[in-house]
N, C-alpha and C. Protein backbone atom coordinates (compact mmCIF):
# COMPACT_ATOMS: atom_id res chain seq x y z
N MET A 1 3.42 11.47 8.62
CA MET A 1 2.23 11.66 9.18
C MET A 1 1.71 9.99 9.63
N THR A 2 1.19 9.59 10.97
CA THR A 2 1.37 8.46 11.39
C THR A 2 -0.12 8.18 11.22
N LYS A 3 -0.55 6.68 11.45
CA LYS A 3 -1.93 6.29 11.32
C LYS A 3 -3.00 7.18 12.49
N ALA A 4 -2.35 7.32 13.61
CA ALA A 4 -2.93 8.04 14.76
C ALA A 4 -3.42 9.34 14.30
N ASP A 5 -2.29 9.93 13.47
CA ASP A 5 -2.62 11.42 12.73
C ASP A 5 -3.65 11.52 11.89
N ILE A 6 -3.72 10.24 11.10
CA ILE A 6 -4.85 10.00 10.12
C ILE A 6 -6.22 9.97 10.56
N ILE A 7 -6.16 9.21 11.71
CA ILE A 7 -7.52 8.75 12.27
C ILE A 7 -8.10 10.45 13.14
N ALA A 8 -6.85 10.82 13.59
CA ALA A 8 -7.40 12.11 14.23
C ALA A 8 -7.98 13.26 13.36
N GLU A 9 -7.24 13.32 11.96
CA GLU A 9 -7.64 14.33 11.11
C GLU A 9 -8.94 14.10 10.27
N ILE A 10 -9.24 12.62 10.24
CA ILE A 10 -10.59 12.14 9.80
C ILE A 10 -11.73 12.40 10.62
N ALA A 11 -11.62 12.01 12.23
CA ALA A 11 -12.70 12.30 12.83
C ALA A 11 -12.61 13.63 13.09
N GLU A 12 -11.58 14.78 13.04
CA GLU A 12 -11.94 16.26 13.15
C GLU A 12 -12.66 16.45 12.16
N LYS A 13 -12.24 16.34 10.61
CA LYS A 13 -13.34 16.53 9.69
C LYS A 13 -14.49 16.07 9.51
N THR A 14 -14.80 14.81 9.97
CA THR A 14 -16.29 14.16 9.84
C THR A 14 -16.98 14.32 11.06
N GLY A 15 -16.63 14.61 12.19
CA GLY A 15 -17.30 14.74 13.49
C GLY A 15 -17.70 13.29 13.82
N ILE A 16 -16.71 12.14 13.09
CA ILE A 16 -17.16 10.57 13.68
C ILE A 16 -15.99 10.22 14.68
N ASP A 17 -16.50 9.51 15.90
CA ASP A 17 -15.74 9.26 17.04
C ASP A 17 -14.29 8.43 16.29
N LYS A 18 -13.40 8.76 17.05
CA LYS A 18 -11.93 8.52 16.50
C LYS A 18 -12.05 6.72 16.53
N ALA A 19 -12.78 5.93 17.60
CA ALA A 19 -13.03 4.71 17.85
C ALA A 19 -13.21 4.06 16.56
N ASP A 20 -14.72 4.86 16.08
CA ASP A 20 -15.33 4.30 14.89
C ASP A 20 -14.36 4.66 13.67
N VAL A 21 -13.65 5.67 13.70
CA VAL A 21 -12.63 5.97 12.43
C VAL A 21 -11.60 4.92 12.29
N SER A 22 -11.19 4.45 13.66
CA SER A 22 -9.95 3.67 13.73
C SER A 22 -10.40 2.32 13.15
N SER A 23 -11.63 1.79 13.79
CA SER A 23 -11.97 0.58 13.18
C SER A 23 -12.41 0.55 11.79
N ALA A 24 -12.90 1.59 11.18
CA ALA A 24 -12.69 1.52 9.90
C ALA A 24 -11.84 1.73 9.02
N LEU A 25 -10.72 2.39 9.54
CA LEU A 25 -9.32 2.19 8.88
C LEU A 25 -8.73 0.58 9.09
N GLU A 26 -8.91 0.24 10.02
CA GLU A 26 -8.27 -0.91 10.26
C GLU A 26 -8.77 -2.21 9.24
N SER A 27 -10.10 -1.94 9.32
CA SER A 27 -11.22 -2.61 8.23
C SER A 27 -10.35 -2.62 6.96
N PHE A 28 -10.36 -1.69 6.26
CA PHE A 28 -9.90 -1.10 5.18
C PHE A 28 -8.49 -1.70 4.91
N PHE A 29 -7.68 -1.62 5.76
CA PHE A 29 -6.29 -2.24 5.71
C PHE A 29 -6.65 -3.79 5.65
N THR A 30 -7.40 -4.12 6.19
CA THR A 30 -7.36 -5.93 6.25
C THR A 30 -7.97 -6.26 5.33
N VAL A 31 -9.06 -5.46 4.61
CA VAL A 31 -9.58 -5.83 2.93
C VAL A 31 -8.62 -5.83 1.87
N VAL A 32 -7.75 -4.84 1.73
CA VAL A 32 -6.54 -4.77 0.83
C VAL A 32 -5.59 -5.82 0.98
N LYS A 33 -5.07 -6.21 2.39
CA LYS A 33 -4.51 -7.43 2.59
C LYS A 33 -4.82 -8.63 2.27
N ASP A 34 -5.96 -8.70 2.51
CA ASP A 34 -6.81 -10.03 2.21
C ASP A 34 -6.79 -10.31 0.77
N ASN A 35 -7.17 -9.18 0.17
CA ASN A 35 -7.69 -9.32 -1.38
C ASN A 35 -6.18 -9.53 -2.07
N LEU A 36 -4.90 -8.86 -1.55
CA LEU A 36 -3.91 -8.95 -2.40
C LEU A 36 -3.28 -10.31 -2.08
N SER A 37 -3.63 -10.78 -1.24
CA SER A 37 -2.79 -12.27 -0.77
C SER A 37 -3.64 -13.18 -1.66
N LYS A 38 -4.90 -12.74 -2.02
CA LYS A 38 -5.63 -13.56 -3.30
C LYS A 38 -5.47 -12.98 -4.57
N SER A 39 -4.42 -12.46 -4.70
CA SER A 39 -4.17 -12.01 -6.03
C SER A 39 -5.31 -11.20 -6.70
N GLU A 40 -6.24 -10.55 -5.90
CA GLU A 40 -7.25 -9.80 -6.40
C GLU A 40 -6.67 -8.26 -6.02
N PRO A 41 -6.68 -7.38 -7.35
CA PRO A 41 -6.29 -6.36 -7.07
C PRO A 41 -7.61 -5.40 -6.55
N ILE A 42 -6.99 -4.16 -6.31
CA ILE A 42 -8.07 -3.23 -5.68
C ILE A 42 -7.85 -1.67 -6.30
N TYR A 43 -9.10 -1.33 -7.10
CA TYR A 43 -9.18 0.05 -7.84
C TYR A 43 -9.80 1.01 -7.09
N VAL A 44 -9.38 2.12 -7.00
CA VAL A 44 -10.17 3.08 -6.18
C VAL A 44 -10.11 4.39 -6.98
N ARG A 45 -10.98 4.66 -7.71
CA ARG A 45 -11.20 5.66 -9.00
C ARG A 45 -10.78 6.93 -8.33
N GLY A 46 -9.98 7.92 -8.61
CA GLY A 46 -9.32 8.87 -8.18
C GLY A 46 -8.17 8.89 -7.57
N PHE A 47 -7.85 7.78 -6.85
CA PHE A 47 -6.88 7.66 -5.95
C PHE A 47 -5.67 6.71 -6.32
N GLY A 48 -5.85 5.50 -6.81
CA GLY A 48 -4.94 4.67 -7.35
C GLY A 48 -5.30 3.15 -7.18
N SER A 49 -4.24 2.19 -7.32
CA SER A 49 -4.48 0.92 -7.55
C SER A 49 -3.70 0.12 -6.37
N PHE A 50 -4.25 -0.98 -5.74
CA PHE A 50 -3.27 -1.52 -5.27
C PHE A 50 -3.34 -3.01 -5.91
N VAL A 51 -1.96 -3.54 -6.32
CA VAL A 51 -1.96 -4.46 -7.03
C VAL A 51 -0.81 -5.39 -6.86
N ASN A 52 -0.38 -6.86 -7.14
CA ASN A 52 0.65 -7.45 -7.11
C ASN A 52 1.32 -7.39 -8.08
N LYS A 53 2.74 -7.18 -7.89
CA LYS A 53 3.51 -7.20 -8.69
C LYS A 53 4.67 -8.28 -9.00
N LYS A 54 4.82 -8.74 -10.03
CA LYS A 54 5.65 -10.06 -10.12
C LYS A 54 7.22 -9.75 -10.30
N ARG A 55 7.74 -10.44 -9.27
CA ARG A 55 9.34 -10.41 -9.53
C ARG A 55 10.06 -11.63 -10.01
N ALA A 56 10.74 -11.58 -11.19
CA ALA A 56 11.21 -12.67 -11.66
C ALA A 56 12.36 -13.51 -10.68
N GLN A 57 12.57 -14.73 -10.91
CA GLN A 57 13.69 -15.56 -10.43
C GLN A 57 14.89 -14.68 -10.53
N LYS A 58 15.99 -14.70 -9.48
CA LYS A 58 16.98 -14.26 -9.85
C LYS A 58 18.30 -14.81 -9.08
N VAL A 59 19.49 -14.47 -9.37
CA VAL A 59 20.49 -15.12 -8.56
C VAL A 59 21.07 -13.90 -7.89
N ALA A 60 21.32 -14.04 -6.57
CA ALA A 60 21.94 -13.15 -5.80
C ALA A 60 23.31 -13.33 -4.97
N ARG A 61 23.83 -12.86 -4.16
CA ARG A 61 25.03 -13.18 -3.55
C ARG A 61 24.79 -13.01 -1.90
N ASN A 62 25.25 -14.00 -1.18
CA ASN A 62 25.45 -13.89 0.28
C ASN A 62 26.62 -13.40 0.57
N ILE A 63 27.02 -12.18 0.57
CA ILE A 63 28.26 -11.75 0.74
C ILE A 63 28.90 -12.37 2.15
N SER A 64 27.99 -12.64 3.19
CA SER A 64 28.86 -13.11 4.45
C SER A 64 29.50 -14.51 4.31
N LYS A 65 28.78 -15.19 3.50
CA LYS A 65 29.11 -16.82 3.51
C LYS A 65 30.00 -16.98 2.01
N ASN A 66 29.90 -15.92 1.19
CA ASN A 66 30.41 -15.56 -0.30
C ASN A 66 29.96 -16.94 -1.02
N GLU A 67 28.65 -17.03 -1.26
CA GLU A 67 28.10 -17.81 -1.93
C GLU A 67 26.94 -17.41 -2.55
N SER A 68 26.50 -17.84 -3.86
CA SER A 68 25.40 -17.43 -4.60
C SER A 68 24.06 -18.02 -4.30
N ILE A 69 23.02 -17.43 -4.15
CA ILE A 69 21.66 -17.94 -3.76
C ILE A 69 20.52 -17.59 -4.80
N VAL A 70 19.74 -18.40 -4.94
CA VAL A 70 18.59 -18.36 -6.03
C VAL A 70 17.49 -17.50 -5.20
N ILE A 71 16.68 -16.65 -5.63
CA ILE A 71 15.84 -16.01 -5.06
C ILE A 71 14.74 -16.39 -6.13
N ASP A 72 13.65 -16.98 -5.74
CA ASP A 72 12.74 -17.74 -6.32
C ASP A 72 11.66 -16.65 -6.93
N GLU A 73 10.95 -16.79 -7.99
CA GLU A 73 9.92 -16.10 -8.54
C GLU A 73 8.78 -15.80 -7.30
N HIS A 74 8.56 -14.21 -7.28
CA HIS A 74 7.63 -13.91 -5.83
C HIS A 74 6.74 -12.66 -6.52
N PHE A 75 5.72 -12.33 -5.71
CA PHE A 75 4.92 -11.27 -6.00
C PHE A 75 5.25 -10.37 -4.81
N ILE A 76 5.12 -9.10 -5.04
CA ILE A 76 5.20 -7.91 -3.75
C ILE A 76 3.83 -7.16 -4.13
N PRO A 77 3.26 -6.61 -3.02
CA PRO A 77 2.29 -5.57 -3.18
C PRO A 77 2.66 -4.39 -3.48
N SER A 78 1.90 -3.61 -4.44
CA SER A 78 2.42 -2.26 -4.97
C SER A 78 1.17 -1.56 -4.89
N PHE A 79 1.49 -0.13 -4.98
CA PHE A 79 0.57 0.82 -5.34
C PHE A 79 0.75 1.77 -6.45
N LYS A 80 -0.06 2.01 -7.42
CA LYS A 80 -0.19 2.87 -8.37
C LYS A 80 -0.97 3.88 -8.31
N PRO A 81 -0.48 5.33 -8.21
CA PRO A 81 -1.54 6.44 -7.94
C PRO A 81 -2.39 6.70 -9.16
N ALA A 82 -3.27 7.27 -9.28
CA ALA A 82 -4.13 7.83 -10.22
C ALA A 82 -3.42 8.74 -10.68
N LYS A 83 -3.74 9.41 -12.14
CA LYS A 83 -3.35 10.48 -12.51
C LYS A 83 -3.80 11.63 -11.87
N VAL A 84 -5.02 11.45 -11.42
CA VAL A 84 -5.70 12.75 -10.83
C VAL A 84 -4.61 12.92 -9.41
N PHE A 85 -4.36 11.92 -8.87
CA PHE A 85 -3.52 11.93 -7.85
C PHE A 85 -2.39 12.43 -7.89
N VAL A 86 -1.57 12.05 -8.93
CA VAL A 86 -0.09 12.47 -9.52
C VAL A 86 -0.17 14.01 -9.76
N GLU A 87 -1.33 14.47 -10.40
CA GLU A 87 -1.14 15.59 -10.91
C GLU A 87 -1.43 16.69 -9.59
N GLN A 88 -2.28 16.39 -8.58
CA GLN A 88 -2.58 16.91 -7.41
C GLN A 88 -1.19 17.08 -6.73
N VAL A 89 -0.24 16.10 -6.68
CA VAL A 89 0.97 15.79 -6.02
C VAL A 89 1.68 16.92 -6.52
N LYS A 90 1.76 16.85 -8.15
CA LYS A 90 2.95 17.77 -8.61
C LYS A 90 2.66 19.20 -8.42
N THR A 91 1.35 19.55 -8.47
CA THR A 91 1.05 20.88 -8.33
C THR A 91 1.01 21.53 -6.82
N HIS A 92 0.86 20.75 -6.01
CA HIS A 92 1.07 21.27 -4.70
C HIS A 92 2.00 20.83 -3.68
N ALA A 93 3.04 19.96 -4.29
CA ALA A 93 4.37 19.57 -3.62
C ALA A 93 5.17 20.75 -3.42
N LYS A 94 5.87 20.86 -2.51
CA LYS A 94 6.86 22.09 -2.04
C LYS A 94 7.99 21.47 -1.99
């Protein structure tokens, strides 16, 4: 399912214009990105949490140059689904 499919489905179910749904969805994505970049997690009850996960420093190999490189400690965005969400997927997934 693409973003356009999501917009179309929300517009169909709610009767709201596609342009307004698109604007709201883009605003949601902006809020999520802005808050995660400030290390502020987002909790949506019944859906899940958007959080930053810390990755420790590690040594990796650049195989094309045959040398070791150090990857510094960093954070990556992550999504953790709520228990209700996980149970719904388990029972309805085919």
